[in-house]
């Protein structure tokens, strides 16, 4: 569990920073758009991917806290 957690944490953090840098290449998502419209905008897609990577990193951090085996 710890090895998987460490790998998930590492991939999540690398993915988050990569997606955040890619999101910066596009303009900001205009305010007042619905979620569906936001996902059609390139910056909205990268923002969603960054949130997904942050969730993966948080899950990896939880897996690191579990003891080896059970």
PDB file of N, CA and C in Angstrom:
ATOM      1  N   UNK A   1       0.820  -1.191   0.000  1.00  0.00           N
ATOM      2  CA  UNK A   1       0.000   0.000   0.000  1.00  0.00           C
ATOM      3  C   UNK A   1       0.867   1.259   0.000  1.00  0.00           C
ATOM      4  N   UNK A   2       1.964   1.204   0.730  1.00  0.00           N
ATOM      5  CA  UNK A   2       2.801   2.398   0.797  1.00  0.00           C
ATOM      6  C   UNK A   2       3.471   2.695  -0.538  1.00  0.00           C
ATOM      7  N   UNK A   3       3.908   1.659  -1.231  1.00  0.00           N
ATOM      8  CA  UNK A   3       4.548   1.883  -2.525  1.00  0.00           C
ATOM      9  C   UNK A   3       3.548   2.468  -3.520  1.00  0.00           C
ATOM     10  N   UNK A   4       2.336   1.913  -3.525  1.00  0.00           N
ATOM     11  CA  UNK A   4       1.286   2.441  -4.396  1.00  0.00           C
ATOM     12  C   UNK A   4       0.937   3.876  -4.010  1.00  0.00           C
ATOM     13  N   UNK A   5       0.849   4.153  -2.718  1.00  0.00           N
ATOM     14  CA  UNK A   5       0.539   5.500  -2.254  1.00  0.00           C
ATOM     15  C   UNK A   5       1.607   6.504  -2.644  1.00  0.00           C
ATOM     16  N   UNK A   6       2.870   6.102  -2.516  1.00  0.00           N
ATOM     17  CA  UNK A   6       3.960   6.992  -2.907  1.00  0.00           C
ATOM     18  C   UNK A   6       3.951   7.283  -4.390  1.00  0.00           C
ATOM     19  N   UNK A   7       3.675   6.244  -5.180  1.00  0.00           N
ATOM     20  CA  UNK A   7       3.611   6.432  -6.623  1.00  0.00           C
ATOM     21  C   UNK A   7       2.445   7.332  -7.017  1.00  0.00           C
ATOM     22  N   UNK A   8       1.280   7.113  -6.391  1.00  0.00           N
ATOM     23  CA  UNK A   8       0.107   7.943  -6.692  1.00  0.00           C
ATOM     24  C   UNK A   8       0.347   9.389  -6.271  1.00  0.00           C
ATOM     25  N   UNK A   9       0.974   9.584  -5.125  1.00  0.00           N
ATOM     26  CA  UNK A   9       1.280  10.938  -4.659  1.00  0.00           C
ATOM     27  C   UNK A   9       2.235  11.635  -5.622  1.00  0.00           C
ATOM     28  N   UNK A  10       3.275  10.936  -6.033  1.00  0.00           N
ATOM     29  CA  UNK A  10       4.257  11.521  -6.941  1.00  0.00           C
ATOM     30  C   UNK A  10       3.638  11.852  -8.295  1.00  0.00           C
ATOM     31  N   UNK A  11       2.894  10.913  -8.866  1.00  0.00           N
ATOM     32  CA  UNK A  11       2.259  11.164 -10.162  1.00  0.00           C
ATOM     33  C   UNK A  11       1.219  12.275 -10.076  1.00  0.00           C
ATOM     34  N   UNK A  12       0.485  12.319  -8.965  1.00  0.00           N
ATOM     35  CA  UNK A  12      -0.514  13.365  -8.784  1.00  0.00           C
ATOM     36  C   UNK A  12       0.114  14.752  -8.707  1.00  0.00           C
ATOM     37  N   UNK A  13       1.211  14.862  -7.969  1.00  0.00           N
ATOM     38  CA  UNK A  13       1.873  16.163  -7.845  1.00  0.00           C
ATOM     39  C   UNK A  13       2.500  16.611  -9.166  1.00  0.00           C
ATOM     40  N   UNK A  14       3.166  15.686  -9.842  1.00  0.00           N
ATOM     41  CA  UNK A  14       3.761  16.034 -11.138  1.00  0.00           C
ATOM     42  C   UNK A  14       2.668  16.417 -12.129  1.00  0.00           C
ATOM     43  N   UNK A  15       1.592  15.643 -12.155  1.00  0.00           N
ATOM     44  CA  UNK A  15       0.485  15.936 -13.060  1.00  0.00           C
ATOM     45  C   UNK A  15      -0.173  17.263 -12.749  1.00  0.00           C
ATOM     46  N   UNK A  16      -0.321  17.568 -11.462  1.00  0.00           N
ATOM     47  CA  UNK A  16      -0.945  18.837 -11.073  1.00  0.00           C
ATOM     48  C   UNK A  16      -0.131  20.027 -11.573  1.00  0.00           C
ATOM     49  N   UNK A  17       1.173  19.976 -11.347  1.00  0.00           N
ATOM     50  CA  UNK A  17       2.009  21.101 -11.778  1.00  0.00           C
ATOM     51  C   UNK A  17       2.084  21.198 -13.299  1.00  0.00           C
ATOM     52  N   UNK A  18       2.082  20.054 -13.977  1.00  0.00           N
ATOM     53  CA  UNK A  18       2.088  20.079 -15.436  1.00  0.00           C
ATOM     54  C   UNK A  18       0.787  20.686 -15.966  1.00  0.00           C
ATOM     55  N   UNK A  19      -0.347  20.228 -15.431  1.00  0.00           N
ATOM     56  CA  UNK A  19      -1.640  20.747 -15.896  1.00  0.00           C
ATOM     57  C   UNK A  19      -1.797  22.226 -15.571  1.00  0.00           C
ATOM     58  N   UNK A  20      -1.289  22.639 -14.430  1.00  0.00           N
ATOM     59  CA  UNK A  20      -1.365  24.060 -14.074  1.00  0.00           C
ATOM     60  C   UNK A  20      -0.538  24.920 -15.032  1.00  0.00           C
ATOM     61  N   UNK A  21       0.616  24.418 -15.432  1.00  0.00           N
ATOM     62  CA  UNK A  21       1.432  25.198 -16.367  1.00  0.00           C
ATOM     63  C   UNK A  21       0.798  25.231 -17.764  1.00  0.00           C
ATOM     64  N   UNK A  22       0.172  24.131 -18.175  1.00  0.00           N
ATOM     65  CA  UNK A  22      -0.511  24.111 -19.469  1.00  0.00           C
ATOM     66  C   UNK A  22      -1.738  25.027 -19.462  1.00  0.00           C
ATOM     67  N   UNK A  23      -2.423  25.083 -18.326  1.00  0.00           N
ATOM     68  CA  UNK A  23      -3.596  25.953 -18.208  1.00  0.00           C
ATOM     69  C   UNK A  23      -3.205  27.416 -18.359  1.00  0.00           C
ATOM     70  N   UNK A  24      -2.008  27.764 -17.917  1.00  0.00           N
ATOM     71  CA  UNK A  24      -1.538  29.138 -18.001  1.00  0.00           C
ATOM     72  C   UNK A  24      -1.290  29.618 -19.429  1.00  0.00           C
ATOM     73  N   UNK A  25      -1.158  28.687 -20.367  1.00  0.00           N
ATOM     74  CA  UNK A  25      -0.934  29.071 -21.766  1.00  0.00           C
ATOM     75  C   UNK A  25      -2.188  29.640 -22.408  1.00  0.00           C
ATOM     76  N   UNK A  26      -3.341  29.311 -21.849  1.00  0.00           N
ATOM     77  CA  UNK A  26      -4.614  29.770 -22.406  1.00  0.00           C
ATOM     78  C   UNK A  26      -5.160  30.886 -21.523  1.00  0.00           C
ATOM     79  N   UNK A  27      -6.048  31.669 -22.060  1.00  0.00           N
ATOM     80  CA  UNK A  27      -6.661  32.742 -21.282  1.00  0.00           C
ATOM     81  C   UNK A  27      -7.560  32.176 -20.190  1.00  0.00           C
ATOM     82  N   UNK A  28      -7.902  33.013 -19.270  1.00  0.00           N
ATOM     83  CA  UNK A  28      -8.772  32.578 -18.179  1.00  0.00           C
ATOM     84  C   UNK A  28     -10.164  32.252 -18.713  1.00  0.00           C
ATOM     85  N   UNK A  29     -10.830  31.341 -18.025  1.00  0.00           N
ATOM     86  CA  UNK A  29     -12.194  30.979 -18.406  1.00  0.00           C
ATOM     87  C   UNK A  29     -13.109  32.138 -18.029  1.00  0.00           C
ATOM     88  N   UNK A  30     -13.929  32.616 -18.953  1.00  0.00           N
ATOM     89  CA  UNK A  30     -14.831  33.728 -18.634  1.00  0.00           C
ATOM     90  C   UNK A  30     -15.812  33.363 -17.515  1.00  0.00           C
ATOM     91  N   UNK A  31     -16.130  34.334 -16.699  1.00  0.00           N
ATOM     92  CA  UNK A  31     -17.081  34.121 -15.604  1.00  0.00           C
ATOM     93  C   UNK A  31     -18.492  33.946 -16.150  1.00  0.00           C
ATOM     94  N   UNK A  32     -19.309  33.253 -15.390  1.00  0.00           N
ATOM     95  CA  UNK A  32     -20.707  33.099 -15.736  1.00  0.00           C
ATOM     96  C   UNK A  32     -21.005  31.966 -16.700  1.00  0.00           C
ATOM     97  N   UNK A  33     -20.017  31.144 -16.998  1.00  0.00           N
ATOM     98  CA  UNK A  33     -20.234  30.022 -17.902  1.00  0.00           C
ATOM     99  C   UNK A  33     -20.695  28.808 -17.110  1.00  0.00           C
ATOM    100  N   UNK A  34     -21.511  27.974 -17.743  1.00  0.00           N
ATOM    101  CA  UNK A  34     -21.926  26.738 -17.083  1.00  0.00           C
ATOM    102  C   UNK A  34     -20.766  25.740 -17.126  1.00  0.00           C
ATOM    103  N   UNK A  35     -20.904  24.630 -16.417  1.00  0.00           N
ATOM    104  CA  UNK A  35     -19.836  23.642 -16.369  1.00  0.00           C
ATOM    105  C   UNK A  35     -19.593  23.051 -17.757  1.00  0.00           C
ATOM    106  N   UNK A  36     -20.654  22.776 -18.487  1.00  0.00           N
ATOM    107  CA  UNK A  36     -20.500  22.235 -19.831  1.00  0.00           C
ATOM    108  C   UNK A  36     -19.779  23.180 -20.763  1.00  0.00           C
ATOM    109  N   UNK A  37     -20.080  24.464 -20.650  1.00  0.00           N
ATOM    110  CA  UNK A  37     -19.404  25.458 -21.490  1.00  0.00           C
ATOM    111  C   UNK A  37     -17.945  25.621 -21.061  1.00  0.00           C
ATOM    112  N   UNK A  38     -17.689  25.509 -19.766  1.00  0.00           N
ATOM    113  CA  UNK A  38     -16.323  25.626 -19.261  1.00  0.00           C
ATOM    114  C   UNK A  38     -15.451  24.504 -19.812  1.00  0.00           C
ATOM    115  N   UNK A  39     -16.011  23.302 -19.920  1.00  0.00           N
ATOM    116  CA  UNK A  39     -15.233  22.169 -20.407  1.00  0.00           C
ATOM    117  C   UNK A  39     -14.969  22.244 -21.912  1.00  0.00           C
ATOM    118  N   UNK A  40     -15.666  23.100 -22.627  1.00  0.00           N
ATOM    119  CA  UNK A  40     -15.384  23.294 -24.038  1.00  0.00           C
ATOM    120  C   UNK A  40     -14.215  24.259 -24.243  1.00  0.00           C
ATOM    121  N   UNK A  41     -13.901  25.027 -23.222  1.00  0.00           N
ATOM    122  CA  UNK A  41     -12.785  25.968 -23.270  1.00  0.00           C
ATOM    123  C   UNK A  41     -11.498  25.208 -22.916  1.00  0.00           C
ATOM    124  N   UNK A  42     -10.395  25.407 -23.648  1.00  0.00           N
ATOM    125  CA  UNK A  42      -9.159  24.652 -23.361  1.00  0.00           C
ATOM    126  C   UNK A  42      -8.652  24.840 -21.932  1.00  0.00           C
ATOM    127  N   UNK A  43      -8.746  26.046 -21.399  1.00  0.00           N
ATOM    128  CA  UNK A  43      -8.276  26.274 -20.030  1.00  0.00           C
ATOM    129  C   UNK A  43      -9.154  25.520 -19.030  1.00  0.00           C
ATOM    130  N   UNK A  44     -10.429  25.386 -19.319  1.00  0.00           N
ATOM    131  CA  UNK A  44     -11.324  24.637 -18.440  1.00  0.00           C
ATOM    132  C   UNK A  44     -10.981  23.160 -18.407  1.00  0.00           C
ATOM    133  N   UNK A  45     -10.578  22.614 -19.551  1.00  0.00           N
ATOM    134  CA  UNK A  45     -10.171  21.204 -19.602  1.00  0.00           C
ATOM    135  C   UNK A  45      -8.917  20.972 -18.770  1.00  0.00           C
ATOM    136  N   UNK A  46      -7.945  21.866 -18.894  1.00  0.00           N
ATOM    137  CA  UNK A  46      -6.714  21.707 -18.120  1.00  0.00           C
ATOM    138  C   UNK A  46      -6.960  21.907 -16.629  1.00  0.00           C
ATOM    139  N   UNK A  47      -7.900  22.790 -16.295  1.00  0.00           N
ATOM    140  CA  UNK A  47      -8.226  22.998 -14.890  1.00  0.00           C
ATOM    141  C   UNK A  47      -8.860  21.742 -14.290  1.00  0.00           C
ATOM    142  N   UNK A  48      -9.738  21.098 -15.038  1.00  0.00           N
ATOM    143  CA  UNK A  48     -10.356  19.858 -14.576  1.00  0.00           C
ATOM    144  C   UNK A  48      -9.305  18.767 -14.399  1.00  0.00           C
ATOM    145  N   UNK A  49      -8.365  18.679 -15.327  1.00  0.00           N
ATOM    146  CA  UNK A  49      -7.290  17.692 -15.211  1.00  0.00           C
ATOM    147  C   UNK A  49      -6.415  17.968 -13.992  1.00  0.00           C
ATOM    148  N   UNK A  50      -6.166  19.245 -13.711  1.00  0.00           N
ATOM    149  CA  UNK A  50      -5.361  19.591 -12.534  1.00  0.00           C
ATOM    150  C   UNK A  50      -6.079  19.184 -11.254  1.00  0.00           C
ATOM    151  N   UNK A  51      -7.401  19.387 -11.195  1.00  0.00           N
ATOM    152  CA  UNK A  51      -8.155  18.952 -10.021  1.00  0.00           C
ATOM    153  C   UNK A  51      -8.128  17.435  -9.876  1.00  0.00           C
ATOM    154  N   UNK A  52      -8.202  16.718 -10.994  1.00  0.00           N
ATOM    155  CA  UNK A  52      -8.123  15.264 -10.951  1.00  0.00           C
ATOM    156  C   UNK A  52      -6.784  14.791 -10.415  1.00  0.00           C
ATOM    157  N   UNK A  53      -5.717  15.445 -10.825  1.00  0.00           N
ATOM    158  CA  UNK A  53      -4.388  15.088 -10.325  1.00  0.00           C
ATOM    159  C   UNK A  53      -4.240  15.424  -8.850  1.00  0.00           C
ATOM    160  N   UNK A  54      -4.868  16.501  -8.401  1.00  0.00           N
ATOM    161  CA  UNK A  54      -4.826  16.845  -6.978  1.00  0.00           C
ATOM    162  C   UNK A  54      -5.555  15.790  -6.155  1.00  0.00           C
ATOM    163  N   UNK A  55      -6.658  15.275  -6.675  1.00  0.00           N
ATOM    164  CA  UNK A  55      -7.381  14.205  -5.982  1.00  0.00           C
ATOM    165  C   UNK A  55      -6.517  12.945  -5.921  1.00  0.00           C
ATOM    166  N   UNK A  56      -5.819  12.625  -7.013  1.00  0.00           N
ATOM    167  CA  UNK A  56      -4.922  11.475  -7.027  1.00  0.00           C
ATOM    168  C   UNK A  56      -3.812  11.639  -5.999  1.00  0.00           C
ATOM    169  N   UNK A  57      -3.244  12.832  -5.894  1.00  0.00           N
ATOM    170  CA  UNK A  57      -2.188  13.087  -4.917  1.00  0.00           C
ATOM    171  C   UNK A  57      -2.721  12.956  -3.487  1.00  0.00           C
ATOM    172  N   UNK A  58      -3.926  13.447  -3.233  1.00  0.00           N
ATOM    173  CA  UNK A  58      -4.517  13.316  -1.896  1.00  0.00           C
ATOM    174  C   UNK A  58      -4.774  11.852  -1.563  1.00  0.00           C
ATOM    175  N   UNK A  59      -5.252  11.083  -2.535  1.00  0.00           N
ATOM    176  CA  UNK A  59      -5.474   9.657  -2.322  1.00  0.00           C
ATOM    177  C   UNK A  59      -4.150   8.944  -2.040  1.00  0.00           C
ATOM    178  N   UNK A  60      -3.107   9.323  -2.767  1.00  0.00           N
ATOM    179  CA  UNK A  60      -1.786   8.749  -2.513  1.00  0.00           C
ATOM    180  C   UNK A  60      -1.282   9.085  -1.120  1.00  0.00           C
ATOM    181  N   UNK A  61      -1.538  10.302  -0.659  1.00  0.00           N
ATOM    182  CA  UNK A  61      -1.154  10.668   0.699  1.00  0.00           C
ATOM    183  C   UNK A  61      -1.882   9.838   1.748  1.00  0.00           C
ATOM    184  N   UNK A  62      -3.141   9.551   1.513  1.00  0.00           N
ATOM    185  CA  UNK A  62      -3.890   8.678   2.433  1.00  0.00           C
ATOM    186  C   UNK A  62      -3.329   7.265   2.438  1.00  0.00           C
ATOM    187  N   UNK A  63      -2.965   6.775   1.258  1.00  0.00           N
ATOM    188  CA  UNK A  63      -2.419   5.422   1.179  1.00  0.00           C
ATOM    189  C   UNK A  63      -1.058   5.318   1.872  1.00  0.00           C
ATOM    190  N   UNK A  64      -0.316   6.408   1.897  1.00  0.00           N
ATOM    191  CA  UNK A  64       0.971   6.396   2.613  1.00  0.00           C
ATOM    192  C   UNK A  64       0.789   6.258   4.119  1.00  0.00           C
ATOM    193  N   UNK A  65      -0.352   6.685   4.626  1.00  0.00           N
ATOM    194  CA  UNK A  65      -0.591   6.635   6.067  1.00  0.00           C
ATOM    195  C   UNK A  65      -0.995   5.251   6.552  1.00  0.00           C
ATOM    196  N   UNK A  66      -1.437   4.389   5.635  1.00  0.00           N
ATOM    197  CA  UNK A  66      -1.838   3.055   6.057  1.00  0.00           C
ATOM    198  C   UNK A  66      -0.608   2.219   6.364  1.00  0.00           C
ATOM    199  N   UNK A  67      -0.719   1.319   7.338  1.00  0.00           N
ATOM    200  CA  UNK A  67       0.434   0.474   7.664  1.00  0.00           C
ATOM    201  C   UNK A  67       0.725  -0.540   6.545  1.00  0.00           C
ATOM    202  N   UNK A  68       1.946  -1.051   6.552  1.00  0.00           N
ATOM    203  CA  UNK A  68       2.339  -2.061   5.559  1.00  0.00           C
ATOM    204  C   UNK A  68       1.583  -3.345   5.839  1.00  0.00           C
ATOM    205  N   UNK A  69       0.834  -3.818   4.854  1.00  0.00           N
ATOM    206  CA  UNK A  69       0.042  -5.033   5.049  1.00  0.00           C
ATOM    207  C   UNK A  69      -1.120  -4.786   5.984  1.00  0.00           C
ATOM    208  N   UNK A  70      -1.664  -5.857   6.566  1.00  0.00           N
ATOM    209  CA  UNK A  70      -2.721  -5.732   7.581  1.00  0.00           C
ATOM    210  C   UNK A  70      -2.918  -7.000   8.264  1.00  0.00           C
TER     211      UNK A  70
END
